Amino acid sequence: MQTVTKLPDQSTVTSSSADIAGWTPIAGQPRMTSWVLHTAPDGTTIAGYWECTPGTYHATYGAAEFVHMIAGAVTITPDGGTPVTMTAGDAFVVDADFKGTWEITETVRKHFSFRLK
């Protein structure tokens, strides 16, 4: 039998303010906070919220990410690629092999879901 699980409210979940592995600050002093609200029982998927103050990271992805922007603005530039600006209301996918910059120009809050395996 399949089930549907309502995610807990962000305020009831422990947050982490450590930089994500593969994310290196390269401009400004961006500060991130992550709230993992769900981890699949088999460990294949995680979902939650992420917030970050202005600044720039170079990011290296090891898993695909679905993003729904709740607030803020970010310009994402793949290494050697064309910049794309995302703002509140946008939804997009970052491929598992992405390498490039995330320039946060307005504090970002996003919902994320990663497919880990």
PDB file of N, CA and C in Angstrom:
ATOM      1  N   MET A   1       0.831  -1.181   0.000  1.00  0.00           N
ATOM      2  CA  MET A   1       0.000   0.000   0.000  1.00  0.00           C
ATOM      3  C   MET A   1       0.878   1.247   0.000  1.00  0.00           C
ATOM      4  N   GLN A   2       0.559   2.215  -0.844  1.00  0.00           N
ATOM      5  CA  GLN A   2       1.296   3.467  -0.888  1.00  0.00           C
ATOM      6  C   GLN A   2       0.715   4.432   0.130  1.00  0.00           C
ATOM      7  N   THR A   3       1.567   5.325   0.621  1.00  0.00           N
ATOM      8  CA  THR A   3       1.099   6.304   1.596  1.00  0.00           C
ATOM      9  C   THR A   3       1.476   7.707   1.154  1.00  0.00           C
ATOM     10  N   VAL A   4       0.811   8.674   1.722  1.00  0.00           N
ATOM     11  CA  VAL A   4       1.132  10.083   1.533  1.00  0.00           C
ATOM     12  C   VAL A   4       1.468  10.631   2.907  1.00  0.00           C
ATOM     13  N   THR A   5       2.610  11.302   3.008  1.00  0.00           N
ATOM     14  CA  THR A   5       3.052  11.829   4.289  1.00  0.00           C
ATOM     15  C   THR A   5       3.167  13.337   4.215  1.00  0.00           C
ATOM     16  N   LYS A   6       2.483  14.026   5.112  1.00  0.00           N
ATOM     17  CA  LYS A   6       2.607  15.474   5.189  1.00  0.00           C
ATOM     18  C   LYS A   6       3.951  15.783   5.853  1.00  0.00           C
ATOM     19  N   LEU A   7       4.722  16.688   5.237  1.00  0.00           N
ATOM     20  CA  LEU A   7       6.013  17.060   5.803  1.00  0.00           C
ATOM     21  C   LEU A   7       5.807  17.911   7.041  1.00  0.00           C
ATOM     22  N   PRO A   8       6.730  17.810   8.006  1.00  0.00           N
ATOM     23  CA  PRO A   8       6.608  18.623   9.210  1.00  0.00           C
ATOM     24  C   PRO A   8       6.850  20.097   8.901  1.00  0.00           C
ATOM     25  N   ASP A   9       6.359  20.952   9.751  1.00  0.00           N
ATOM     26  CA  ASP A   9       6.615  22.376   9.637  1.00  0.00           C
ATOM     27  C   ASP A   9       8.108  22.628   9.836  1.00  0.00           C
ATOM     28  N   GLN A  10       8.662  23.515   9.029  1.00  0.00           N
ATOM     29  CA  GLN A  10      10.088  23.819   9.089  1.00  0.00           C
ATOM     30  C   GLN A  10      10.545  24.204  10.497  1.00  0.00           C
ATOM     31  N   SER A  11       9.701  24.875  11.255  1.00  0.00           N
ATOM     32  CA  SER A  11      10.100  25.340  12.586  1.00  0.00           C
ATOM     33  C   SER A  11      10.273  24.203  13.577  1.00  0.00           C
ATOM     34  N   THR A  12       9.800  23.008  13.251  1.00  0.00           N
ATOM     35  CA  THR A  12       9.914  21.872  14.173  1.00  0.00           C
ATOM     36  C   THR A  12      11.064  20.936  13.810  1.00  0.00           C
ATOM     37  N   VAL A  13      11.833  21.283  12.778  1.00  0.00           N
ATOM     38  CA  VAL A  13      12.904  20.424  12.278  1.00  0.00           C
ATOM     39  C   VAL A  13      14.244  21.075  12.570  1.00  0.00           C
ATOM     40  N   THR A  14      15.230  20.287  12.944  1.00  0.00           N
ATOM     41  CA  THR A  14      16.571  20.801  13.208  1.00  0.00           C
ATOM     42  C   THR A  14      17.189  21.313  11.917  1.00  0.00           C
ATOM     43  N   SER A  15      17.816  22.481  12.011  1.00  0.00           N
ATOM     44  CA  SER A  15      18.460  23.064  10.848  1.00  0.00           C
ATOM     45  C   SER A  15      19.966  22.866  10.918  1.00  0.00           C
ATOM     46  N   SER A  16      20.600  23.019   9.756  1.00  0.00           N
ATOM     47  CA  SER A  16      22.054  22.965   9.678  1.00  0.00           C
ATOM     48  C   SER A  16      22.533  24.201   8.941  1.00  0.00           C
ATOM     49  N   SER A  17      23.536  24.877   9.506  1.00  0.00           N
ATOM     50  CA  SER A  17      24.085  26.055   8.844  1.00  0.00           C
ATOM     51  C   SER A  17      25.469  25.772   8.263  1.00  0.00           C
ATOM     52  N   ALA A  18      25.830  24.505   8.179  1.00  0.00           N
ATOM     53  CA  ALA A  18      27.104  24.126   7.567  1.00  0.00           C
ATOM     54  C   ALA A  18      26.974  24.208   6.049  1.00  0.00           C
ATOM     55  N   ASP A  19      28.049  24.655   5.377  1.00  0.00           N
ATOM     56  CA  ASP A  19      28.043  24.658   3.921  1.00  0.00           C
ATOM     57  C   ASP A  19      27.904  23.223   3.420  1.00  0.00           C
ATOM     58  N   ILE A  20      27.161  23.067   2.358  1.00  0.00           N
ATOM     59  CA  ILE A  20      26.933  21.758   1.756  1.00  0.00           C
ATOM     60  C   ILE A  20      28.224  21.278   1.100  1.00  0.00           C
ATOM     61  N   ALA A  21      28.521  19.988   1.209  1.00  0.00           N
ATOM     62  CA  ALA A  21      29.699  19.423   0.552  1.00  0.00           C
ATOM     63  C   ALA A  21      29.650  19.750  -0.930  1.00  0.00           C
ATOM     64  N   GLY A  22      30.769  20.219  -1.472  1.00  0.00           N
ATOM     65  CA  GLY A  22      30.840  20.573  -2.880  1.00  0.00           C
ATOM     66  C   GLY A  22      30.501  22.023  -3.163  1.00  0.00           C
ATOM     67  N   TRP A  23      30.115  22.793  -2.135  1.00  0.00           N
ATOM     68  CA  TRP A  23      29.796  24.210  -2.283  1.00  0.00           C
ATOM     69  C   TRP A  23      30.896  25.027  -1.602  1.00  0.00           C
ATOM     70  N   THR A  24      31.583  25.856  -2.378  1.00  0.00           N
ATOM     71  CA  THR A  24      32.685  26.661  -1.870  1.00  0.00           C
ATOM     72  C   THR A  24      32.365  28.137  -2.072  1.00  0.00           C
ATOM     73  N   PRO A  25      32.363  28.939  -0.992  1.00  0.00           N
ATOM     74  CA  PRO A  25      32.120  30.382  -1.160  1.00  0.00           C
ATOM     75  C   PRO A  25      33.264  31.004  -1.964  1.00  0.00           C
ATOM     76  N   ILE A  26      32.910  31.825  -2.975  1.00  0.00           N
ATOM     77  CA  ILE A  26      33.949  32.475  -3.776  1.00  0.00           C
ATOM     78  C   ILE A  26      33.795  33.993  -3.827  1.00  0.00           C
ATOM     79  N   ALA A  27      32.679  34.536  -3.355  1.00  0.00           N
ATOM     80  CA  ALA A  27      32.490  35.988  -3.299  1.00  0.00           C
ATOM     81  C   ALA A  27      31.485  36.314  -2.211  1.00  0.00           C
ATOM     82  N   GLY A  28      31.737  37.420  -1.514  1.00  0.00           N
ATOM     83  CA  GLY A  28      30.843  37.816  -0.438  1.00  0.00           C
ATOM     84  C   GLY A  28      30.966  36.866   0.746  1.00  0.00           C
ATOM     85  N   GLN A  29      29.969  36.908   1.602  1.00  0.00           N
ATOM     86  CA  GLN A  29      29.934  36.031   2.771  1.00  0.00           C
ATOM     87  C   GLN A  29      28.566  35.348   2.864  1.00  0.00           C
ATOM     88  N   PRO A  30      28.243  34.522   1.870  1.00  0.00           N
ATOM     89  CA  PRO A  30      26.934  33.860   1.906  1.00  0.00           C
ATOM     90  C   PRO A  30      26.841  32.903   3.086  1.00  0.00           C
ATOM     91  N   ARG A  31      25.660  32.849   3.681  1.00  0.00           N
ATOM     92  CA  ARG A  31      25.392  31.938   4.793  1.00  0.00           C
ATOM     93  C   ARG A  31      24.162  31.120   4.441  1.00  0.00           C
ATOM     94  N   MET A  32      24.311  29.809   4.494  1.00  0.00           N
ATOM     95  CA  MET A  32      23.197  28.936   4.151  1.00  0.00           C
ATOM     96  C   MET A  32      22.661  28.217   5.377  1.00  0.00           C
ATOM     97  N   THR A  33      21.379  27.897   5.314  1.00  0.00           N
ATOM     98  CA  THR A  33      20.734  27.059   6.321  1.00  0.00           C
ATOM     99  C   THR A  33      19.867  26.057   5.575  1.00  0.00           C
ATOM    100  N   SER A  34      19.953  24.797   5.990  1.00  0.00           N
ATOM    101  CA  SER A  34      19.169  23.724   5.371  1.00  0.00           C
ATOM    102  C   SER A  34      18.292  23.055   6.412  1.00  0.00           C
ATOM    103  N   TRP A  35      17.078  22.709   6.000  1.00  0.00           N
ATOM    104  CA  TRP A  35      16.161  21.935   6.825  1.00  0.00           C
ATOM    105  C   TRP A  35      15.758  20.716   6.010  1.00  0.00           C
ATOM    106  N   VAL A  36      16.184  19.527   6.393  1.00  0.00           N
ATOM    107  CA  VAL A  36      15.755  18.301   5.710  1.00  0.00           C
ATOM    108  C   VAL A  36      14.471  17.849   6.390  1.00  0.00           C
ATOM    109  N   LEU A  37      13.384  17.887   5.626  1.00  0.00           N
ATOM    110  CA  LEU A  37      12.072  17.559   6.176  1.00  0.00           C
ATOM    111  C   LEU A  37      11.662  16.118   5.917  1.00  0.00           C
ATOM    112  N   HIS A  38      12.311  15.487   4.934  1.00  0.00           N
ATOM    113  CA  HIS A  38      11.931  14.105   4.604  1.00  0.00           C
ATOM    114  C   HIS A  38      13.123  13.374   4.015  1.00  0.00           C
ATOM    115  N   THR A  39      13.330  12.167   4.464  1.00  0.00           N
ATOM    116  CA  THR A  39      14.294  11.246   3.867  1.00  0.00           C
ATOM    117  C   THR A  39      13.546   9.956   3.579  1.00  0.00           C
ATOM    118  N   ALA A  40      13.600   9.495   2.330  1.00  0.00           N
ATOM    119  CA  ALA A  40      12.915   8.254   1.967  1.00  0.00           C
ATOM    120  C   ALA A  40      13.476   7.095   2.779  1.00  0.00           C
ATOM    121  N   PRO A  41      12.635   6.140   3.166  1.00  0.00           N
ATOM    122  CA  PRO A  41      13.096   5.001   3.965  1.00  0.00           C
ATOM    123  C   PRO A  41      14.275   4.253   3.335  1.00  0.00           C
ATOM    124  N   ASP A  42      14.335   4.221   1.993  1.00  0.00           N
ATOM    125  CA  ASP A  42      15.438   3.522   1.329  1.00  0.00           C
ATOM    126  C   ASP A  42      16.634   4.437   1.056  1.00  0.00           C
ATOM    127  N   GLY A  43      16.560   5.688   1.511  1.00  0.00           N
ATOM    128  CA  GLY A  43      17.681   6.618   1.377  1.00  0.00           C
ATOM    129  C   GLY A  43      17.884   7.188  -0.016  1.00  0.00           C
ATOM    130  N   THR A  44      16.928   7.003  -0.917  1.00  0.00           N
ATOM    131  CA  THR A  44      17.123   7.457  -2.290  1.00  0.00           C
ATOM    132  C   THR A  44      16.755   8.915  -2.520  1.00  0.00           C
ATOM    133  N   THR A  45      15.963   9.503  -1.650  1.00  0.00           N
ATOM    134  CA  THR A  45      15.476  10.859  -1.869  1.00  0.00           C
ATOM    135  C   THR A  45      15.455  11.632  -0.553  1.00  0.00           C
ATOM    136  N   ILE A  46      15.824  12.916  -0.632  1.00  0.00           N
ATOM    137  CA  ILE A  46      15.621  13.816   0.503  1.00  0.00           C
ATOM    138  C   ILE A  46      14.913  15.066  -0.013  1.00  0.00           C
ATOM    139  N   ALA A  47      14.181  15.716   0.883  1.00  0.00           N
ATOM    140  CA  ALA A  47      13.464  16.938   0.522  1.00  0.00           C
ATOM    141  C   ALA A  47      13.461  17.876   1.712  1.00  0.00           C
ATOM    142  N   GLY A  48      13.399  19.156   1.428  1.00  0.00           N
ATOM    143  CA  GLY A  48      13.353  20.134   2.502  1.00  0.00           C
ATOM    144  C   GLY A  48      13.404  21.555   1.979  1.00  0.00           C
ATOM    145  N   TYR A  49      13.871  22.441   2.844  1.00  0.00           N
ATOM    146  CA  TYR A  49      14.014  23.852   2.518  1.00  0.00           C
ATOM    147  C   TYR A  49      15.470  24.253   2.652  1.00  0.00           C
ATOM    148  N   TRP A  50      15.853  25.275   1.883  1.00  0.00           N
ATOM    149  CA  TRP A  50      17.206  25.817   1.934  1.00  0.00           C
ATOM    150  C   TRP A  50      17.091  27.327   1.838  1.00  0.00           C
ATOM    151  N   GLU A  51      17.874  28.002   2.635  1.00  0.00           N
ATOM    152  CA  GLU A  51      17.884  29.465   2.617  1.00  0.00           C
ATOM    153  C   GLU A  51      19.331  29.924   2.573  1.00  0.00           C
ATOM    154  N   CYS A  52      19.601  30.998   1.808  1.00  0.00           N
ATOM    155  CA  CYS A  52      20.965  31.511   1.718  1.00  0.00           C
ATOM    156  C   CYS A  52      20.949  33.012   1.508  1.00  0.00           C
ATOM    157  N   THR A  53      21.863  33.688   2.205  1.00  0.00           N
ATOM    158  CA  THR A  53      22.027  35.130   2.080  1.00  0.00           C
ATOM    159  C   THR A  53      22.892  35.441   0.853  1.00  0.00           C
ATOM    160  N   PRO A  54      22.905  36.709   0.399  1.00  0.00           N
ATOM    161  CA  PRO A  54      23.657  37.058  -0.799  1.00  0.00           C
ATOM    162  C   PRO A  54      25.151  36.716  -0.724  1.00  0.00           C
ATOM    163  N   GLY A  55      25.668  36.351  -1.885  1.00  0.00           N
ATOM    164  CA  GLY A  55      27.053  35.960  -2.066  1.00  0.00           C
ATOM    165  C   GLY A  55      27.112  34.926  -3.164  1.00  0.00           C
ATOM    166  N   THR A  56      28.296  34.405  -3.440  1.00  0.00           N
ATOM    167  CA  THR A  56      28.461  33.460  -4.542  1.00  0.00           C
ATOM    168  C   THR A  56      29.179  32.199  -4.086  1.00  0.00           C
ATOM    169  N   TYR A  57      28.649  31.069  -4.511  1.00  0.00           N
ATOM    170  CA  TYR A  57      29.267  29.759  -4.291  1.00  0.00           C
ATOM    171  C   TYR A  57      29.649  29.153  -5.635  1.00  0.00           C
ATOM    172  N   HIS A  58      30.733  28.390  -5.659  1.00  0.00           N
ATOM    173  CA  HIS A  58      30.959  27.458  -6.759  1.00  0.00           C
ATOM    174  C   HIS A  58      30.428  26.125  -6.253  1.00  0.00           C
ATOM    175  N   ALA A  59      29.553  25.522  -7.040  1.00  0.00           N
ATOM    176  CA  ALA A  59      28.882  24.299  -6.616  1.00  0.00           C
ATOM    177  C   ALA A  59      29.216  23.145  -7.554  1.00  0.00           C
ATOM    178  N   THR A  60      29.440  21.982  -6.951  1.00  0.00           N
ATOM    179  CA  THR A  60      29.630  20.743  -7.690  1.00  0.00           C
ATOM    180  C   THR A  60      28.570  19.761  -7.197  1.00  0.00           C
ATOM    181  N   TYR A  61      27.704  19.332  -8.097  1.00  0.00           N
ATOM    182  CA  TYR A  61      26.600  18.438  -7.743  1.00  0.00           C
ATOM    183  C   TYR A  61      26.980  16.981  -7.963  1.00  0.00           C
ATOM    184  N   GLY A  62      26.467  16.110  -7.110  1.00  0.00           N
ATOM    185  CA  GLY A  62      26.626  14.674  -7.264  1.00  0.00           C
ATOM    186  C   GLY A  62      25.287  13.989  -7.424  1.00  0.00           C
ATOM    187  N   ALA A  63      24.195  14.760  -7.324  1.00  0.00           N
ATOM    188  CA  ALA A  63      22.836  14.222  -7.457  1.00  0.00           C
ATOM    189  C   ALA A  63      21.964  15.290  -8.104  1.00  0.00           C
ATOM    190  N   ALA A  64      20.955  14.863  -8.833  1.00  0.00           N
ATOM    191  CA  ALA A  64      20.020  15.795  -9.455  1.00  0.00           C
ATOM    192  C   ALA A  64      19.139  16.434  -8.382  1.00  0.00           C
ATOM    193  N   GLU A  65      18.810  17.706  -8.594  1.00  0.00           N
ATOM    194  CA  GLU A  65      17.981  18.445  -7.634  1.00  0.00           C
ATOM    195  C   GLU A  65      16.809  19.107  -8.350  1.00  0.00           C
ATOM    196  N   PHE A  66      15.605  18.935  -7.800  1.00  0.00           N
ATOM    197  CA  PHE A  66      14.443  19.709  -8.222  1.00  0.00           C
ATOM    198  C   PHE A  66      14.314  20.871  -7.253  1.00  0.00           C
ATOM    199  N   VAL A  67      14.111  22.080  -7.793  1.00  0.00           N
ATOM    200  CA  VAL A  67      14.016  23.290  -6.976  1.00  0.00           C
ATOM    201  C   VAL A  67      12.727  24.035  -7.291  1.00  0.00           C
ATOM    202  N   HIS A  68      12.055  24.506  -6.247  1.00  0.00           N
ATOM    203  CA  HIS A  68      10.976  25.473  -6.391  1.00  0.00           C
ATOM    204  C   HIS A  68      11.375  26.686  -5.561  1.00  0.00           C
ATOM    205  N   MET A  69      11.596  27.809  -6.239  1.00  0.00           N
ATOM    206  CA  MET A  69      12.014  29.037  -5.556  1.00  0.00           C
ATOM    207  C   MET A  69      10.811  29.658  -4.842  1.00  0.00           C
ATOM    208  N   ILE A  70      10.963  29.888  -3.559  1.00  0.00           N
ATOM    209  CA  ILE A  70       9.907  30.496  -2.760  1.00  0.00           C
ATOM    210  C   ILE A  70      10.121  32.003  -2.653  1.00  0.00           C
ATOM    211  N   ALA A  71      11.386  32.410  -2.502  1.00  0.00           N
ATOM    212  CA  ALA A  71      11.717  33.832  -2.365  1.00  0.00           C
ATOM    213  C   ALA A  71      13.131  34.062  -2.869  1.00  0.00           C
ATOM    214  N   GLY A  72      13.409  35.312  -3.259  1.00  0.00           N
ATOM    215  CA  GLY A  72      14.760  35.708  -3.610  1.00  0.00           C
ATOM    216  C   GLY A  72      15.091  35.593  -5.080  1.00  0.00           C
ATOM    217  N   ALA A  73      16.394  35.734  -5.360  1.00  0.00           N
ATOM    218  CA  ALA A  73      16.883  35.675  -6.732  1.00  0.00           C
ATOM    219  C   ALA A  73      18.291  35.114  -6.746  1.00  0.00           C
ATOM    220  N   VAL A  74      18.583  34.305  -7.770  1.00  0.00           N
ATOM    221  CA  VAL A  74      19.891  33.690  -7.937  1.00  0.00           C
ATOM    222  C   VAL A  74      20.202  33.615  -9.427  1.00  0.00           C
ATOM    223  N   THR A  75      21.463  33.867  -9.763  1.00  0.00           N
ATOM    224  CA  THR A  75      21.925  33.648 -11.127  1.00  0.00           C
ATOM    225  C   THR A  75      22.832  32.430 -11.101  1.00  0.00           C
ATOM    226  N   ILE A  76      22.446  31.407 -11.859  1.00  0.00           N
ATOM    227  CA  ILE A  76      23.174  30.144 -11.896  1.00  0.00           C
ATOM    228  C   ILE A  76      23.911  30.075 -13.230  1.00  0.00           C
ATOM    229  N   THR A  77      25.232  29.845 -13.152  1.00  0.00           N
ATOM    230  CA  THR A  77      26.048  29.803 -14.361  1.00  0.00           C
ATOM    231  C   THR A  77      26.855  28.520 -14.404  1.00  0.00           C
ATOM    232  N   PRO A  78      26.522  27.608 -15.316  1.00  0.00           N
ATOM    233  CA  PRO A  78      27.355  26.408 -15.461  1.00  0.00           C
ATOM    234  C   PRO A  78      28.764  26.813 -15.894  1.00  0.00           C
ATOM    235  N   ASP A  79      29.787  26.089 -15.445  1.00  0.00           N
ATOM    236  CA  ASP A  79      31.153  26.372 -15.898  1.00  0.00           C
ATOM    237  C   ASP A  79      31.161  26.377 -17.428  1.00  0.00           C
ATOM    238  N   GLY A  80      31.592  27.502 -18.011  1.00  0.00           N
ATOM    239  CA  GLY A  80      31.653  27.623 -19.467  1.00  0.00           C
ATOM    240  C   GLY A  80      30.302  27.797 -20.133  1.00  0.00           C
ATOM    241  N   GLY A  81      29.246  27.998 -19.349  1.00  0.00           N
ATOM    242  CA  GLY A  81      27.893  28.077 -19.899  1.00  0.00           C
ATOM    243  C   GLY A  81      27.267  29.450 -19.774  1.00  0.00           C
ATOM    244  N   THR A  82      26.000  29.517 -20.078  1.00  0.00           N
ATOM    245  CA  THR A  82      25.225  30.746 -20.086  1.00  0.00           C
ATOM    246  C   THR A  82      24.510  30.934 -18.747  1.00  0.00           C
ATOM    247  N   PRO A  83      24.605  32.133 -18.143  1.00  0.00           N
ATOM    248  CA  PRO A  83      23.909  32.396 -16.882  1.00  0.00           C
ATOM    249  C   PRO A  83      22.380  32.356 -17.053  1.00  0.00           C
ATOM    250  N   VAL A  84      21.709  31.858 -16.029  1.00  0.00           N
ATOM    251  CA  VAL A  84      20.251  31.840 -15.980  1.00  0.00           C
ATOM    252  C   VAL A  84      19.841  32.399 -14.625  1.00  0.00           C
ATOM    253  N   THR A  85      18.928  33.373 -14.633  1.00  0.00           N
ATOM    254  CA  THR A  85      18.456  33.954 -13.383  1.00  0.00           C
ATOM    255  C   THR A  85      17.120  33.342 -13.005  1.00  0.00           C
ATOM    256  N   MET A  86      17.026  32.911 -11.753  1.00  0.00           N
ATOM    257  CA  MET A  86      15.795  32.326 -11.217  1.00  0.00           C
ATOM    258  C   MET A  86      15.301  33.200 -10.074  1.00  0.00           C
ATOM    259  N   THR A  87      13.984  33.366  -9.995  1.00  0.00           N
ATOM    260  CA  THR A  87      13.382  34.189  -8.950  1.00  0.00           C
ATOM    261  C   THR A  87      12.190  33.455  -8.341  1.00  0.00           C
ATOM    262  N   ALA A  88      11.616  34.064  -7.301  1.00  0.00           N
ATOM    263  CA  ALA A  88      10.476  33.469  -6.606  1.00  0.00           C
ATOM    264  C   ALA A  88       9.411  33.018  -7.605  1.00  0.00           C
ATOM    265  N   GLY A  89       8.928  31.784  -7.418  1.00  0.00           N
ATOM    266  CA  GLY A  89       7.911  31.206  -8.282  1.00  0.00           C
ATOM    267  C   GLY A  89       8.472  30.287  -9.346  1.00  0.00           C
ATOM    268  N   ASP A  90       9.766  30.416  -9.667  1.00  0.00           N
ATOM    269  CA  ASP A  90      10.374  29.552 -10.684  1.00  0.00           C
ATOM    270  C   ASP A  90      10.599  28.150 -10.133  1.00  0.00           C
ATOM    271  N   ALA A  91      10.520  27.171 -11.016  1.00  0.00           N
ATOM    272  CA  ALA A  91      10.841  25.782 -10.686  1.00  0.00           C
ATOM    273  C   ALA A  91      11.812  25.292 -11.751  1.00  0.00           C
ATOM    274  N   PHE A  92      12.800  24.486 -11.328  1.00  0.00           N
ATOM    275  CA  PHE A  92      13.806  24.023 -12.273  1.00  0.00           C
ATOM    276  C   PHE A  92      14.524  22.807 -11.724  1.00  0.00           C
ATOM    277  N   VAL A  93      15.305  22.160 -12.594  1.00  0.00           N
ATOM    278  CA  VAL A  93      16.098  20.994 -12.218  1.00  0.00           C
ATOM    279  C   VAL A  93      17.563  21.311 -12.476  1.00  0.00           C
ATOM    280  N   VAL A  94      18.425  20.927 -11.532  1.00  0.00           N
ATOM    281  CA  VAL A  94      19.866  21.008 -11.699  1.00  0.00           C
ATOM    282  C   VAL A  94      20.352  19.571 -11.895  1.00  0.00           C
ATOM    283  N   ASP A  95      21.037  19.330 -13.011  1.00  0.00           N
ATOM    284  CA  ASP A  95      21.504  17.973 -13.315  1.00  0.00           C
ATOM    285  C   ASP A  95      22.562  17.504 -12.321  1.00  0.00           C
ATOM    286  N   ALA A  96      22.676  16.196 -12.185  1.00  0.00           N
ATOM    287  CA  ALA A  96      23.588  15.579 -11.225  1.00  0.00           C
ATOM    288  C   ALA A  96      25.050  15.904 -11.505  1.00  0.00           C
ATOM    289  N   ASP A  97      25.402  16.227 -12.738  1.00  0.00           N
ATOM    290  CA  ASP A  97      26.799  16.519 -13.064  1.00  0.00           C
ATOM    291  C   ASP A  97      27.100  18.017 -13.136  1.00  0.00           C
ATOM    292  N   PHE A  98      26.192  18.867 -12.619  1.00  0.00           N
ATOM    293  CA  PHE A  98      26.372  20.317 -12.679  1.00  0.00           C
ATOM    294  C   PHE A  98      27.612  20.765 -11.913  1.00  0.00           C
ATOM    295  N   LYS A  99      28.365  21.667 -12.550  1.00  0.00           N
ATOM    296  CA  LYS A  99      29.464  22.389 -11.900  1.00  0.00           C
ATOM    297  C   LYS A  99      29.346  23.821 -12.372  1.00  0.00           C
ATOM    298  N   GLY A 100      29.330  24.764 -11.424  1.00  0.00           N
ATOM    299  CA  GLY A 100      29.209  26.167 -11.786  1.00  0.00           C
ATOM    300  C   GLY A 100      28.923  27.013 -10.574  1.00  0.00           C
ATOM    301  N   THR A 101      28.505  28.251 -10.822  1.00  0.00           N
ATOM    302  CA  THR A 101      28.285  29.188  -9.719  1.00  0.00           C
ATOM    303  C   THR A 101      26.808  29.441  -9.467  1.00  0.00           C
ATOM    304  N   TRP A 102      26.531  29.678  -8.206  1.00  0.00           N
ATOM    305  CA  TRP A 102      25.247  30.183  -7.740  1.00  0.00           C
ATOM    306  C   TRP A 102      25.542  31.555  -7.137  1.00  0.00           C
ATOM    307  N   GLU A 103      25.122  32.614  -7.828  1.00  0.00           N
ATOM    308  CA  GLU A 103      25.281  33.970  -7.320  1.00  0.00           C
ATOM    309  C   GLU A 103      23.942  34.400  -6.735  1.00  0.00           C
ATOM    310  N   ILE A 104      23.861  34.415  -5.419  1.00  0.00           N
ATOM    311  CA  ILE A 104      22.621  34.782  -4.736  1.00  0.00           C
ATOM    312  C   ILE A 104      22.601  36.309  -4.627  1.00  0.00           C
ATOM    313  N   THR A 105      21.645  36.939  -5.323  1.00  0.00           N
ATOM    314  CA  THR A 105      21.576  38.404  -5.336  1.00  0.00           C
ATOM    315  C   THR A 105      20.545  38.941  -4.353  1.00  0.00           C
ATOM    316  N   GLU A 106      19.560  38.140  -4.001  1.00  0.00           N
ATOM    317  CA  GLU A 106      18.590  38.437  -2.941  1.00  0.00           C
ATOM    318  C   GLU A 106      18.445  37.160  -2.135  1.00  0.00           C
ATOM    319  N   THR A 107      18.343  37.265  -0.826  1.00  0.00           N
ATOM    320  CA  THR A 107      18.243  36.069   0.009  1.00  0.00           C
ATOM    321  C   THR A 107      17.248  35.083  -0.591  1.00  0.00           C
ATOM    322  N   VAL A 108      17.729  33.862  -0.789  1.00  0.00           N
ATOM    323  CA  VAL A 108      16.945  32.805  -1.432  1.00  0.00           C
ATOM    324  C   VAL A 108      16.351  31.887  -0.381  1.00  0.00           C
ATOM    325  N   ARG A 109      15.114  31.516  -0.606  1.00  0.00           N
ATOM    326  CA  ARG A 109      14.482  30.415   0.117  1.00  0.00           C
ATOM    327  C   ARG A 109      13.895  29.512  -0.958  1.00  0.00           C
ATOM    328  N   LYS A 110      14.254  28.231  -0.885  1.00  0.00           N
ATOM    329  CA  LYS A 110      13.780  27.289  -1.897  1.00  0.00           C
ATOM    330  C   LYS A 110      13.358  25.991  -1.241  1.00  0.00           C
ATOM    331  N   HIS A 111      12.459  25.304  -1.906  1.00  0.00           N
ATOM    332  CA  HIS A 111      12.131  23.928  -1.563  1.00  0.00           C
ATOM    333  C   HIS A 111      12.975  23.069  -2.487  1.00  0.00           C
ATOM    334  N   PHE A 112      13.587  22.019  -1.959  1.00  0.00           N
ATOM    335  CA  PHE A 112      14.414  21.149  -2.781  1.00  0.00           C
ATOM    336  C   PHE A 112      14.021  19.689  -2.601  1.00  0.00           C
ATOM    337  N   SER A 113      14.347  18.923  -3.624  1.00  0.00           N
ATOM    338  CA  SER A 113      14.222  17.473  -3.569  1.00  0.00           C
ATOM    339  C   SER A 113      15.385  16.894  -4.357  1.00  0.00           C
ATOM    340  N   PHE A 114      16.158  16.024  -3.698  1.00  0.00           N
ATOM    341  CA  PHE A 114      17.308  15.379  -4.334  1.00  0.00           C
ATOM    342  C   PHE A 114      17.026  13.910  -4.533  1.00  0.00           C
ATOM    343  N   ARG A 115      17.346  13.405  -5.698  1.00  0.00           N
ATOM    344  CA  ARG A 115      17.339  11.968  -5.975  1.00  0.00           C
ATOM    345  C   ARG A 115      18.771  11.503  -5.790  1.00  0.00           C
ATOM    346  N   LEU A 116      19.054  10.764  -4.721  1.00  0.00           N
ATOM    347  CA  LEU A 116      20.407  10.415  -4.338  1.00  0.00           C
ATOM    348  C   LEU A 116      20.926   9.156  -4.994  1.00  0.00           C
ATOM    349  N   LYS A 117      20.071   8.223  -5.335  1.00  0.00           N
ATOM    350  CA  LYS A 117      20.534   6.949  -5.919  1.00  0.00           C
ATOM    351  C   LYS A 117      19.769   6.637  -7.165  1.00  0.00           C
TER     352      LYS A 117
END
